[in-house]
Amino acid sequence: MRKAKGRTGGRAIGRPTRLAGTDVDPSPLALSPSHPVGLSAFPIEFVGSFPDPLVPLAPPLPEVALIGRSNVGKSSLLNALTGRPGLARVSATPGKTTLLNAYRLPGFYLVDLPGYGYARAGKAARAGYRRLVERYLVERQTLAGVVWLLDARHEPSSSDLDMQELLVRSGRPVLVGLTKGDKLTRSAQAVRPRQLAAALGLQEDQVQLTSSTSRLGVAELADSIIAAVGGT
């Protein structure tokens, strides 16, 4: 992961290296070559849902946040990443998640942020969401990196571009995950990461195509997260 690039400039989003800049001991995962790939081999605990973007989690560990539009398939991908089909509730109604949902794995937390861009949300709800997410991304001392999810089938929306600007301003390392890759033809899967990387001003290898249904790219994204928080 590298710091996000956007319309305001900055370093490119990229493949992860060890994340730095947090105020806590990263407690890296001790993986061996024979260790199963991905996150499904690790125990995971739901810590809680929080309205406060700066709520302290105990013990303090690096956090990797997942963020995307309200209908991007974030909950489904989180379930696929961890190998727990019911871990994150998949709702038929977009915009249901309004809190920070924290999950603890050995050495780090995964934090599921509320989805943005839900058209039916009221003005007050959108403003509240913006404050929560902005403060979390900009001020959170333990935030080590962000997995930014985009729907592989569509061009980035105006709300996606707004989020890109916020990610640039936050200075956080970011990795782009393209969801719903199984909805593309085989030929489209081969070219779509390059197309969306170009639309965002990135390099092709800075984007990972995934599918929670077919598990396309899920193990690779999980390994990227492990590497980012200090696994080997």
C-alpha atoms as a PDB file:
ATOM      1  CA  MET A   1       0.000   0.000   0.000  1.00  0.00           C
ATOM      2  CA  ARG A   2       1.126   3.532  -0.713  1.00  0.00           C
ATOM      3  CA  LYS A   3      -0.432   6.891  -0.090  1.00  0.00           C
ATOM      4  CA  ALA A   4      -3.373   7.666  -2.341  1.00  0.00           C
ATOM      5  CA  LYS A   5      -3.079   9.637  -5.541  1.00  0.00           C
ATOM      6  CA  GLY A   6      -5.960  11.812  -6.694  1.00  0.00           C
ATOM      7  CA  ARG A   7      -6.939  14.985  -8.426  1.00  0.00           C
ATOM      8  CA  THR A   8      -4.980  16.923  -5.832  1.00  0.00           C
ATOM      9  CA  GLY A   9      -1.804  14.934  -6.420  1.00  0.00           C
ATOM     10  CA  GLY A  10       0.139  12.740  -4.017  1.00  0.00           C
ATOM     11  CA  ARG A  11       1.823   9.370  -4.225  1.00  0.00           C
ATOM     12  CA  ALA A  12       0.156   6.520  -6.058  1.00  0.00           C
ATOM     13  CA  ILE A  13      -1.953   3.830  -4.468  1.00  0.00           C
ATOM     14  CA  GLY A  14       0.022   0.636  -4.669  1.00  0.00           C
ATOM     15  CA  ARG A  15       0.819  -2.838  -3.483  1.00  0.00           C
ATOM     16  CA  PRO A  16       1.428  -3.053   0.240  1.00  0.00           C
ATOM     17  CA  THR A  17       4.693  -2.892   2.052  1.00  0.00           C
ATOM     18  CA  ARG A  18       4.989  -2.847   5.830  1.00  0.00           C
ATOM     19  CA  LEU A  19       2.818   0.005   7.010  1.00  0.00           C
ATOM     20  CA  ALA A  20       4.429   2.651   9.164  1.00  0.00           C
ATOM     21  CA  GLY A  21       3.321   5.788  10.934  1.00  0.00           C
ATOM     22  CA  THR A  22       1.121   4.332  13.662  1.00  0.00           C
ATOM     23  CA  ASP A  23       1.662   4.947  17.367  1.00  0.00           C
ATOM     24  CA  VAL A  24       1.387   1.297  18.364  1.00  0.00           C
ATOM     25  CA  ASP A  25       3.447  -1.851  18.169  1.00  0.00           C
ATOM     26  CA  PRO A  26       2.331  -3.518  14.899  1.00  0.00           C
ATOM     27  CA  SER A  27       2.609  -7.022  16.460  1.00  0.00           C
ATOM     28  CA  PRO A  28       3.258  -8.610  13.051  1.00  0.00           C
ATOM     29  CA  LEU A  29       1.684 -11.924  12.183  1.00  0.00           C
ATOM     30  CA  ALA A  30       4.219 -14.734  12.340  1.00  0.00           C
ATOM     31  CA  LEU A  31       3.521 -16.594   9.106  1.00  0.00           C
ATOM     32  CA  SER A  32       5.601 -19.486   7.872  1.00  0.00           C
ATOM     33  CA  PRO A  33       5.842 -20.713   4.261  1.00  0.00           C
ATOM     34  CA  SER A  34       3.564 -23.623   5.188  1.00  0.00           C
ATOM     35  CA  HIS A  35       0.921 -21.349   6.736  1.00  0.00           C
ATOM     36  CA  PRO A  36      -2.421 -21.326   4.892  1.00  0.00           C
ATOM     37  CA  VAL A  37      -2.878 -18.342   2.610  1.00  0.00           C
ATOM     38  CA  GLY A  38      -5.381 -15.650   3.515  1.00  0.00           C
ATOM     39  CA  LEU A  39      -7.241 -14.590   6.655  1.00  0.00           C
ATOM     40  CA  SER A  40      -9.542 -17.599   7.046  1.00  0.00           C
ATOM     41  CA  ALA A  41      -6.890 -19.529   9.003  1.00  0.00           C
ATOM     42  CA  PHE A  42      -6.856 -16.953  11.795  1.00  0.00           C
ATOM     43  CA  PRO A  43      -9.255 -16.564  14.720  1.00  0.00           C
ATOM     44  CA  ILE A  44     -11.399 -13.455  14.447  1.00  0.00           C
ATOM     45  CA  GLU A  45     -13.498 -11.703  17.063  1.00  0.00           C
ATOM     46  CA  PHE A  46     -16.214  -9.087  16.605  1.00  0.00           C
ATOM     47  CA  VAL A  47     -15.201  -6.307  18.983  1.00  0.00           C
ATOM     48  CA  GLY A  48     -18.214  -4.025  18.591  1.00  0.00           C
ATOM     49  CA  SER A  49     -19.971  -1.219  16.709  1.00  0.00           C
ATOM     50  CA  PHE A  50     -19.036   2.345  17.569  1.00  0.00           C
ATOM     51  CA  PRO A  51     -20.365   5.817  16.693  1.00  0.00           C
ATOM     52  CA  ASP A  52     -17.146   7.508  17.848  1.00  0.00           C
ATOM     53  CA  PRO A  53     -14.438   7.605  15.130  1.00  0.00           C
ATOM     54  CA  LEU A  54     -11.730   7.946  17.781  1.00  0.00           C
ATOM     55  CA  VAL A  55     -12.943   5.247  20.170  1.00  0.00           C
ATOM     56  CA  PRO A  56      -9.927   3.439  21.679  1.00  0.00           C
ATOM     57  CA  LEU A  57      -9.714  -0.284  21.006  1.00  0.00           C
ATOM     58  CA  ALA A  58      -7.956  -2.532  23.501  1.00  0.00           C
ATOM     59  CA  PRO A  59      -5.320  -3.653  23.004  1.00  0.00           C
ATOM     60  CA  PRO A  60      -4.103  -0.904  20.649  1.00  0.00           C
ATOM     61  CA  LEU A  61      -3.117  -2.554  17.351  1.00  0.00           C
ATOM     62  CA  PRO A  62      -2.808  -1.405  13.724  1.00  0.00           C
ATOM     63  CA  GLU A  63      -6.133  -1.102  11.910  1.00  0.00           C
ATOM     64  CA  VAL A  64      -6.960  -1.745   8.268  1.00  0.00           C
ATOM     65  CA  ALA A  65     -10.245  -0.135   7.210  1.00  0.00           C
ATOM     66  CA  LEU A  66     -12.580  -1.199   4.394  1.00  0.00           C
ATOM     67  CA  ILE A  67     -14.565   1.537   2.691  1.00  0.00           C
ATOM     68  CA  GLY A  68     -16.724   1.807  -0.431  1.00  0.00           C
ATOM     69  CA  ARG A  69     -20.108   2.833  -1.786  1.00  0.00           C
ATOM     70  CA  SER A  70     -23.118   1.481   0.078  1.00  0.00           C
ATOM     71  CA  ASN A  71     -23.882  -1.087  -2.651  1.00  0.00           C
ATOM     72  CA  VAL A  72     -20.318  -2.120  -3.511  1.00  0.00           C
ATOM     73  CA  GLY A  73     -20.505  -5.524  -1.786  1.00  0.00           C
ATOM     74  CA  LYS A  74     -18.278  -4.658   1.154  1.00  0.00           C
ATOM     75  CA  SER A  75     -19.920  -6.994   3.679  1.00  0.00           C
ATOM     76  CA  SER A  76     -19.815  -9.913   1.249  1.00  0.00           C
ATOM     77  CA  LEU A  77     -16.141  -9.320   0.534  1.00  0.00           C
ATOM     78  CA  LEU A  78     -15.329  -9.059   4.249  1.00  0.00           C
ATOM     79  CA  ASN A  79     -17.053 -12.400   4.794  1.00  0.00           C
ATOM     80  CA  ALA A  80     -15.084 -13.925   1.912  1.00  0.00           C
ATOM     81  CA  LEU A  81     -11.776 -12.484   3.122  1.00  0.00           C
ATOM     82  CA  THR A  82     -12.198 -13.966   6.586  1.00  0.00           C
ATOM     83  CA  GLY A  83     -13.855 -17.205   5.505  1.00  0.00           C
ATOM     84  CA  ARG A  84     -16.841 -16.488   7.806  1.00  0.00           C
ATOM     85  CA  PRO A  85     -20.028 -16.261   5.703  1.00  0.00           C
ATOM     86  CA  GLY A  86     -22.080 -14.660   8.500  1.00  0.00           C
ATOM     87  CA  LEU A  87     -19.445 -12.397  10.033  1.00  0.00           C
ATOM     88  CA  ALA A  88     -20.667  -9.157   8.465  1.00  0.00           C
ATOM     89  CA  ARG A  89     -24.414  -8.900   7.919  1.00  0.00           C
ATOM     90  CA  VAL A  90     -25.286  -8.557   4.234  1.00  0.00           C
ATOM     91  CA  SER A  91     -28.342  -6.319   3.984  1.00  0.00           C
ATOM     92  CA  ALA A  92     -30.752  -6.060   1.072  1.00  0.00           C
ATOM     93  CA  THR A  93     -31.062  -2.363   1.888  1.00  0.00           C
ATOM     94  CA  PRO A  94     -27.966  -0.260   1.094  1.00  0.00           C
ATOM     95  CA  GLY A  95     -26.818   2.241   3.679  1.00  0.00           C
ATOM     96  CA  LYS A  96     -27.799   0.184   6.751  1.00  0.00           C
ATOM     97  CA  THR A  97     -24.311   0.300   8.307  1.00  0.00           C
ATOM     98  CA  THR A  98     -23.931   3.625  10.096  1.00  0.00           C
ATOM     99  CA  LEU A  99     -21.287   2.730  12.707  1.00  0.00           C
ATOM    100  CA  LEU A 100     -17.686   1.559  12.771  1.00  0.00           C
ATOM    101  CA  ASN A 101     -17.650  -2.243  13.029  1.00  0.00           C
ATOM    102  CA  ALA A 102     -14.370  -3.568  14.427  1.00  0.00           C
ATOM    103  CA  TYR A 103     -13.040  -7.124  14.143  1.00  0.00           C
ATOM    104  CA  ARG A 104      -9.892  -8.329  15.869  1.00  0.00           C
ATOM    105  CA  LEU A 105      -7.448 -10.768  14.271  1.00  0.00           C
ATOM    106  CA  PRO A 106      -4.013 -11.728  15.624  1.00  0.00           C
ATOM    107  CA  GLY A 107      -1.951  -8.542  15.512  1.00  0.00           C
ATOM    108  CA  PHE A 108      -4.450  -6.137  13.928  1.00  0.00           C
ATOM    109  CA  TYR A 109      -8.054  -5.028  13.502  1.00  0.00           C
ATOM    110  CA  LEU A 110     -10.251  -4.946  10.420  1.00  0.00           C
ATOM    111  CA  VAL A 111     -12.628  -1.975  10.597  1.00  0.00           C
ATOM    112  CA  ASP A 112     -15.743  -1.945   8.411  1.00  0.00           C
ATOM    113  CA  LEU A 113     -16.643   1.691   7.704  1.00  0.00           C
ATOM    114  CA  PRO A 114     -20.165   2.803   6.688  1.00  0.00           C
ATOM    115  CA  GLY A 115     -20.847   2.823   2.962  1.00  0.00           C
ATOM    116  CA  TYR A 116     -21.052   6.197   1.242  1.00  0.00           C
ATOM    117  CA  GLY A 117     -23.175   7.525  -1.617  1.00  0.00           C
ATOM    118  CA  TYR A 118     -26.570   6.176  -0.524  1.00  0.00           C
ATOM    119  CA  ALA A 119     -28.977   8.421  -2.448  1.00  0.00           C
ATOM    120  CA  ARG A 120     -31.927   7.954  -0.069  1.00  0.00           C
ATOM    121  CA  ALA A 121     -30.024   9.046   3.009  1.00  0.00           C
ATOM    122  CA  GLY A 122     -31.172  12.415   4.346  1.00  0.00           C
ATOM    123  CA  LYS A 123     -29.003  15.484   4.452  1.00  0.00           C
ATOM    124  CA  ALA A 124     -28.371  15.143   8.188  1.00  0.00           C
ATOM    125  CA  ALA A 125     -27.469  11.453   7.826  1.00  0.00           C
ATOM    126  CA  ARG A 126     -25.019  12.203   5.007  1.00  0.00           C
ATOM    127  CA  ALA A 127     -23.419  14.991   7.029  1.00  0.00           C
ATOM    128  CA  GLY A 128     -23.092  12.700  10.048  1.00  0.00           C
ATOM    129  CA  TYR A 129     -21.540   9.989   7.913  1.00  0.00           C
ATOM    130  CA  ARG A 130     -19.080  12.464   6.426  1.00  0.00           C
ATOM    131  CA  ARG A 131     -17.970  13.663   9.854  1.00  0.00           C
ATOM    132  CA  LEU A 132     -17.508  10.127  11.160  1.00  0.00           C
ATOM    133  CA  VAL A 133     -15.523   8.853   8.185  1.00  0.00           C
ATOM    134  CA  GLU A 134     -13.475  12.026   7.727  1.00  0.00           C
ATOM    135  CA  ARG A 135     -12.401  12.107  11.368  1.00  0.00           C
ATOM    136  CA  TYR A 136     -11.594   8.378  11.302  1.00  0.00           C
ATOM    137  CA  LEU A 137      -9.468   8.625   8.159  1.00  0.00           C
ATOM    138  CA  VAL A 138      -7.707  11.872   9.051  1.00  0.00           C
ATOM    139  CA  GLU A 139      -7.307  11.662  12.833  1.00  0.00           C
ATOM    140  CA  ARG A 140      -7.188   7.969  13.738  1.00  0.00           C
ATOM    141  CA  GLN A 141      -3.708   7.344  15.165  1.00  0.00           C
ATOM    142  CA  THR A 142      -3.894   3.554  14.843  1.00  0.00           C
ATOM    143  CA  LEU A 143      -5.105   3.477  11.220  1.00  0.00           C
ATOM    144  CA  ALA A 144      -2.411   1.715   9.213  1.00  0.00           C
ATOM    145  CA  GLY A 145      -4.099   1.508   5.810  1.00  0.00           C
ATOM    146  CA  VAL A 146      -7.329   1.512   3.807  1.00  0.00           C
ATOM    147  CA  VAL A 147      -8.810  -0.990   1.348  1.00  0.00           C
ATOM    148  CA  TRP A 148     -10.940   1.173  -0.958  1.00  0.00           C
ATOM    149  CA  LEU A 149     -13.617  -0.860  -2.755  1.00  0.00           C
ATOM    150  CA  LEU A 150     -15.042   0.032  -6.168  1.00  0.00           C
ATOM    151  CA  ASP A 151     -17.570  -1.841  -8.325  1.00  0.00           C
ATOM    152  CA  ALA A 152     -15.619  -3.337 -11.240  1.00  0.00           C
ATOM    153  CA  ARG A 153     -18.597  -2.944 -13.589  1.00  0.00           C
ATOM    154  CA  HIS A 154     -18.877   0.836 -13.395  1.00  0.00           C
ATOM    155  CA  GLU A 155     -16.825   3.953 -13.861  1.00  0.00           C
ATOM    156  CA  PRO A 156     -15.989   5.829 -10.629  1.00  0.00           C
ATOM    157  CA  SER A 157     -18.957   7.938  -9.524  1.00  0.00           C
ATOM    158  CA  SER A 158     -18.803  11.490  -8.223  1.00  0.00           C
ATOM    159  CA  SER A 159     -18.987  10.137  -4.664  1.00  0.00           C
ATOM    160  CA  ASP A 160     -16.105   7.761  -5.445  1.00  0.00           C
ATOM    161  CA  LEU A 161     -14.025  10.704  -6.663  1.00  0.00           C
ATOM    162  CA  ASP A 162     -14.948  12.661  -3.548  1.00  0.00           C
ATOM    163  CA  MET A 163     -13.709   9.730  -1.468  1.00  0.00           C
ATOM    164  CA  GLN A 164     -10.494   9.639  -3.470  1.00  0.00           C
ATOM    165  CA  GLU A 165      -9.908  13.284  -2.558  1.00  0.00           C
ATOM    166  CA  LEU A 166     -10.469  12.495   1.113  1.00  0.00           C
ATOM    167  CA  LEU A 167      -8.084   9.555   0.970  1.00  0.00           C
ATOM    168  CA  VAL A 168      -5.448  11.780  -0.621  1.00  0.00           C
ATOM    169  CA  ARG A 169      -5.928  14.359   2.107  1.00  0.00           C
ATOM    170  CA  SER A 170      -5.701  11.720   4.833  1.00  0.00           C
ATOM    171  CA  GLY A 171      -2.284  10.610   3.602  1.00  0.00           C
ATOM    172  CA  ARG A 172      -3.106   6.983   4.422  1.00  0.00           C
ATOM    173  CA  PRO A 173      -1.712   4.011   2.480  1.00  0.00           C
ATOM    174  CA  VAL A 174      -4.506   2.704   0.234  1.00  0.00           C
ATOM    175  CA  LEU A 175      -5.120  -0.411  -1.860  1.00  0.00           C
ATOM    176  CA  VAL A 176      -7.972  -0.462  -4.414  1.00  0.00           C
ATOM    177  CA  GLY A 177     -10.124  -3.593  -4.503  1.00  0.00           C
ATOM    178  CA  LEU A 178     -12.526  -4.020  -7.431  1.00  0.00           C
ATOM    179  CA  THR A 179     -15.611  -5.999  -6.375  1.00  0.00           C
ATOM    180  CA  LYS A 180     -18.072  -8.155  -8.353  1.00  0.00           C
ATOM    181  CA  GLY A 181     -15.420  -9.316 -10.808  1.00  0.00           C
ATOM    182  CA  ASP A 182     -17.465 -12.463 -11.484  1.00  0.00           C
ATOM    183  CA  LYS A 183     -20.042 -10.260 -13.240  1.00  0.00           C
ATOM    184  CA  LEU A 184     -17.483  -9.518 -15.968  1.00  0.00           C
ATOM    185  CA  THR A 185     -16.663 -11.748 -18.909  1.00  0.00           C
ATOM    186  CA  ARG A 186     -13.278 -13.461 -18.897  1.00  0.00           C
ATOM    187  CA  SER A 187     -11.973 -11.024 -21.471  1.00  0.00           C
ATOM    188  CA  ALA A 188     -13.282  -8.039 -19.483  1.00  0.00           C
ATOM    189  CA  GLN A 189     -11.609  -9.347 -16.326  1.00  0.00           C
ATOM    190  CA  ALA A 190      -8.290  -9.189 -18.129  1.00  0.00           C
ATOM    191  CA  VAL A 191      -8.596  -5.507 -19.052  1.00  0.00           C
ATOM    192  CA  ARG A 192     -10.848  -3.944 -16.420  1.00  0.00           C
ATOM    193  CA  PRO A 193      -8.170  -3.316 -13.762  1.00  0.00           C
ATOM    194  CA  ARG A 194      -6.110  -1.440 -16.355  1.00  0.00           C
ATOM    195  CA  GLN A 195      -9.116   0.628 -17.461  1.00  0.00           C
ATOM    196  CA  LEU A 196     -10.100   1.676 -13.944  1.00  0.00           C
ATOM    197  CA  ALA A 197      -6.500   2.294 -12.949  1.00  0.00           C
ATOM    198  CA  ALA A 198      -6.232   4.708 -15.876  1.00  0.00           C
ATOM    199  CA  ALA A 199      -9.502   6.419 -14.890  1.00  0.00           C
ATOM    200  CA  LEU A 200      -8.112   7.005 -11.384  1.00  0.00           C
ATOM    201  CA  GLY A 201      -4.633   7.986 -12.510  1.00  0.00           C
ATOM    202  CA  LEU A 202      -3.050   4.797 -11.150  1.00  0.00           C
ATOM    203  CA  GLN A 203      -0.908   1.963 -12.442  1.00  0.00           C
ATOM    204  CA  GLU A 204      -2.557  -1.360 -13.266  1.00  0.00           C
ATOM    205  CA  ASP A 205      -0.724  -3.266 -10.550  1.00  0.00           C
ATOM    206  CA  GLN A 206      -2.146  -0.918  -7.945  1.00  0.00           C
ATOM    207  CA  VAL A 207      -5.636  -2.435  -8.353  1.00  0.00           C
ATOM    208  CA  GLN A 208      -6.860  -5.920  -7.327  1.00  0.00           C
ATOM    209  CA  LEU A 209      -9.878  -7.489  -9.052  1.00  0.00           C
ATOM    210  CA  THR A 210     -11.987  -9.584  -6.658  1.00  0.00           C
ATOM    211  CA  SER A 211     -15.251 -11.499  -6.363  1.00  0.00           C
ATOM    212  CA  SER A 212     -16.834 -12.658  -3.127  1.00  0.00           C
ATOM    213  CA  THR A 213     -18.885 -15.181  -5.145  1.00  0.00           C
ATOM    214  CA  SER A 214     -16.152 -16.911  -7.163  1.00  0.00           C
ATOM    215  CA  ARG A 215     -13.361 -15.896  -4.735  1.00  0.00           C
ATOM    216  CA  LEU A 216     -11.429 -14.350  -7.585  1.00  0.00           C
ATOM    217  CA  GLY A 217      -8.551 -12.346  -6.090  1.00  0.00           C
ATOM    218  CA  VAL A 218      -9.743 -12.842  -2.490  1.00  0.00           C
ATOM    219  CA  ALA A 219      -6.646 -14.732  -1.317  1.00  0.00           C
ATOM    220  CA  GLU A 220      -4.398 -12.163  -2.999  1.00  0.00           C
ATOM    221  CA  LEU A 221      -6.189  -9.275  -1.285  1.00  0.00           C
ATOM    222  CA  ALA A 222      -6.017 -11.062   2.073  1.00  0.00           C
ATOM    223  CA  ASP A 223      -2.284 -11.642   1.653  1.00  0.00           C
ATOM    224  CA  SER A 224      -1.852  -7.952   0.795  1.00  0.00           C
ATOM    225  CA  ILE A 225      -3.537  -7.014   4.074  1.00  0.00           C
ATOM    226  CA  ILE A 226      -1.321  -9.440   6.022  1.00  0.00           C
ATOM    227  CA  ALA A 227       1.805  -8.044   4.370  1.00  0.00           C
ATOM    228  CA  ALA A 228       0.665  -4.504   5.091  1.00  0.00           C
ATOM    229  CA  VAL A 229       0.463  -5.049   8.837  1.00  0.00           C
ATOM    230  CA  GLY A 230       3.807  -6.789   9.022  1.00  0.00           C
ATOM    231  CA  GLY A 231       3.232 -10.431   8.046  1.00  0.00           C
ATOM    232  CA  THR A 232       5.778 -12.228   5.907  1.00  0.00           C
END
